[in-house]
């Protein structure tokens, strides 16, 4: 076989074969990388679902605790207003509940006009009007609001 014939006939075949081998190896690695990406995505979705479930349980528990505390306060408000030292007891109890409930910054008892009667927080004194606040206004509009 002559050198000229080798470079004209054999070398292009070898180059094509080499190109096919390189292409096959590249396809194998790309496919493996894509499968790895899909596995990672599935694991991350499962992890996020689990975290969402844990967060839901945590928030549900906290909201339930706050609901129980509010019902308890609602039941003892008449006693607080009738007892001579009722407002002092109310303030003490509200401060204790606010400290015990994570995420609760303050607990307040407002009258029908939005004036603070008792507060667990030092920065909100009795007599302060909160009638302009959204959380008070929504109750004036009724339960459908």
Protein backbone atom coordinates (compact mmCIF):
# COMPACT_ATOMS: atom_id res chain seq x y z
CA UNK A 1 0.00 0.00 0.00
CA UNK A 2 1.38 3.32 -0.99
CA UNK A 3 1.58 6.31 1.31
CA UNK A 4 -0.56 8.32 -1.03
CA UNK A 5 -3.29 5.65 -1.05
CA UNK A 6 -3.16 5.44 2.78
CA UNK A 7 -3.72 9.18 3.19
CA UNK A 8 -6.47 9.28 0.54
CA UNK A 9 -8.44 6.08 1.40
CA UNK A 10 -7.55 4.71 4.85
CA UNK A 11 -7.05 7.86 6.93
CA UNK A 12 -10.50 9.34 6.27
CA UNK A 13 -12.11 6.03 7.35
CA UNK A 14 -10.06 5.98 10.53
CA UNK A 15 -10.97 9.60 11.22
CA UNK A 16 -14.65 8.83 10.70
CA UNK A 17 -14.38 5.81 12.99
CA UNK A 18 -12.53 7.89 15.60
CA UNK A 19 -15.18 10.61 15.34
CA UNK A 20 -17.93 8.00 15.84
CA UNK A 21 -16.16 6.56 18.89
CA UNK A 22 -15.72 10.05 20.38
CA UNK A 23 -19.37 10.84 19.64
CA UNK A 24 -20.51 7.59 21.31
CA UNK A 25 -18.39 8.25 24.40
CA UNK A 26 -19.69 11.82 24.61
CA UNK A 27 -23.28 10.62 24.27
CA UNK A 28 -22.69 8.09 27.06
CA UNK A 29 -21.39 10.80 29.41
CA UNK A 30 -24.16 13.24 28.52
CA UNK A 31 -26.77 10.56 29.11
CA UNK A 32 -25.20 9.71 32.48
CA UNK A 33 -25.14 13.36 33.46
CA UNK A 34 -28.79 13.79 32.52
CA UNK A 35 -29.80 10.73 34.56
CA UNK A 36 -27.85 12.14 37.49
CA UNK A 37 -29.67 15.46 37.04
CA UNK A 38 -33.05 13.68 37.05
CA UNK A 39 -32.13 11.73 40.20
CA UNK A 40 -31.01 14.93 41.93
CA UNK A 41 -34.22 16.68 40.90
CA UNK A 42 -36.36 13.83 42.29
CA UNK A 43 -34.42 13.84 45.57
CA UNK A 44 -34.78 17.61 45.90
CA UNK A 45 -38.53 17.47 45.21
CA UNK A 46 -38.93 14.77 47.87
CA UNK A 47 -36.84 16.81 50.33
CA UNK A 48 -38.89 19.96 49.68
CA UNK A 49 -42.15 18.04 50.13
CA UNK A 50 -40.91 16.72 53.45
CA UNK A 51 -39.85 20.20 54.58
CA UNK A 52 -43.23 21.65 53.55
CA UNK A 53 -44.96 18.93 55.59
CA UNK A 54 -42.80 19.67 58.66
CA UNK A 55 -43.45 23.41 58.32
CA UNK A 56 -47.18 22.79 57.97
CA UNK A 57 -47.20 20.68 61.13
CA UNK A 58 -45.23 23.35 63.01
CA UNK A 59 -47.46 26.22 61.90
CA UNK A 60 -50.63 24.22 62.52
CA UNK A 61 -49.49 23.47 66.05
CA UNK A 62 -48.65 27.12 66.70
CA UNK A 63 -51.95 28.35 65.31
CA UNK A 64 -53.83 25.80 67.40
CA UNK A 65 -51.99 26.98 70.53
CA UNK A 66 -52.79 30.62 69.78
CA UNK A 67 -56.43 29.70 69.18
CA UNK A 68 -56.64 27.91 72.53
CA UNK A 69 -55.03 30.92 74.27
CA UNK A 70 -57.49 33.35 72.64
CA UNK A 71 -60.47 31.20 73.67
CA UNK A 72 -59.12 31.06 77.21
CA UNK A 73 -58.74 34.84 77.30
CA UNK A 74 -62.24 35.31 75.88
CA UNK A 75 -63.66 33.13 78.67
CA UNK A 76 -61.94 35.03 81.51
CA UNK A 77 -62.43 38.62 80.27
CA UNK A 78 -65.74 39.03 82.17
CA UNK A 79 -63.98 37.97 85.38
CA UNK A 80 -61.15 40.44 84.78
CA UNK A 81 -63.59 43.33 84.45
CA UNK A 82 -65.57 42.36 87.54
CA UNK A 83 -62.66 41.66 89.93
CA UNK A 84 -61.01 44.58 91.75
CA UNK A 85 -57.51 43.49 90.68
CA UNK A 86 -58.72 41.93 87.42
CA UNK A 87 -56.78 44.19 85.03
CA UNK A 88 -53.48 43.54 86.86
CA UNK A 89 -54.15 39.82 86.70
CA UNK A 90 -55.07 40.15 83.04
CA UNK A 91 -51.82 41.94 82.22
CA UNK A 92 -49.79 39.32 84.08
CA UNK A 93 -51.60 36.48 82.29
CA UNK A 94 -51.30 38.09 78.85
CA UNK A 95 -47.56 38.65 79.34
CA UNK A 96 -47.13 34.99 80.32
CA UNK A 97 -49.08 33.77 77.32
CA UNK A 98 -47.21 36.04 74.90
CA UNK A 99 -43.89 34.75 76.23
CA UNK A 100 -45.02 31.12 76.05
CA UNK A 101 -46.33 31.28 72.48
CA UNK A 102 -43.55 31.40 69.86
CA UNK A 103 -44.08 34.09 67.27
CA UNK A 104 -46.58 36.07 69.36
CA UNK A 105 -45.22 39.55 70.03
CA UNK A 106 -48.16 40.95 71.98
CA UNK A 107 -51.58 40.02 73.23
CA UNK A 108 -54.17 42.76 73.62
CA UNK A 109 -57.72 43.13 74.86
CA UNK A 110 -59.56 45.93 73.04
CA UNK A 111 -62.97 47.35 73.79
CA UNK A 112 -65.68 47.77 71.16
CA UNK A 113 -64.19 51.12 70.11
CA UNK A 114 -60.68 49.76 69.50
CA UNK A 115 -59.19 51.19 72.69
CA UNK A 116 -56.60 49.04 74.48
CA UNK A 117 -57.92 47.81 77.83
CA UNK A 118 -55.05 45.44 78.67
CA UNK A 119 -51.77 44.79 76.87
CA UNK A 120 -48.92 42.35 77.31
CA UNK A 121 -46.52 44.76 75.64
CA UNK A 122 -44.95 47.79 77.29
CA UNK A 123 -45.09 49.90 74.12
CA UNK A 124 -48.87 49.65 73.84
CA UNK A 125 -50.36 51.32 76.93
CA UNK A 126 -53.97 50.97 78.08
CA UNK A 127 -56.05 53.75 76.56
CA UNK A 128 -54.23 53.72 73.21
CA UNK A 129 -56.60 53.64 70.24
CA UNK A 130 -56.04 50.96 67.63
CA UNK A 131 -59.38 51.53 65.90
CA UNK A 132 -57.67 52.53 62.64
CA UNK A 133 -55.74 49.26 62.33
CA UNK A 134 -56.75 46.72 59.69
CA UNK A 135 -57.05 43.89 62.22
CA UNK A 136 -59.68 45.92 64.09
CA UNK A 137 -61.50 47.37 61.05
CA UNK A 138 -62.09 43.94 59.51
CA UNK A 139 -64.20 42.92 62.51
CA UNK A 140 -66.37 46.03 62.21
CA UNK A 141 -67.35 44.94 58.69
CA UNK A 142 -68.74 41.65 59.98
CA UNK A 143 -67.88 37.95 59.63
CA UNK A 144 -68.26 37.97 55.84
CA UNK A 145 -65.39 40.43 55.39
